[in-house]
Amino acid sequence: MSNQGLNGAGPLSHEQVTQWIGEIQALKQQVTDLKRDRDAAYQAADAWQARYTTEAQQRRADREQFQQQQTRLQGEIDRLRGNPDAVLDGWEPLGEAASVGAALPASTPATLAEAQIECRQLREQLAQLVRQLQAEREAHDRTRRDLTTALGDAIDALERERQR
């Protein structure tokens, strides 16, 4: 091995070699730190993606449930409008968790006035479900924007780390 300097100007001194070794070790440490930061950014991005996916699945399930309730109530309203004497034929309760307001009576109304009252109640339930569905959609959009922004921020941070 030649003892010439990098420019061929002469042998390297012990101090120069020590300095070069120190610089090499510092660069190795920087590379190690950058790799660790990169891996952390990738993990953060993966975690945000998993959160986004979970949230999106929940929002889709909620939306579908609200749409089914809306469809069911709209059918009940249509039936009330079409034939007041057969208002509740085949009606099934919505269930505890899905119920919005007071449960409908289990018997057929005796008069047209009672049927009209029930029709108004169904309209109110439908309106409430439509408001809940709209709120759920807005919450979904807000969550999607927030998670997308956070994911973008994590990717930007990763890019900044790569450029250092």
Foldseek 3Di string as FASTA:
>chain_A
DDQADPVSPGGDDPVRVVVVVVVVVVVVVLVVVLVVLLVVLVVQLVVLVVVLVVLVVVLVVVLVLLVVLLVLLVVLLVLLVPDLQCNCVVNDWPDDVSDDDDTDDPDRDPDNVVSVVVSVVSVVRSVVSVVVSVVSVVVNVVSNVVSVVVSVVSVVVSVVSVVD
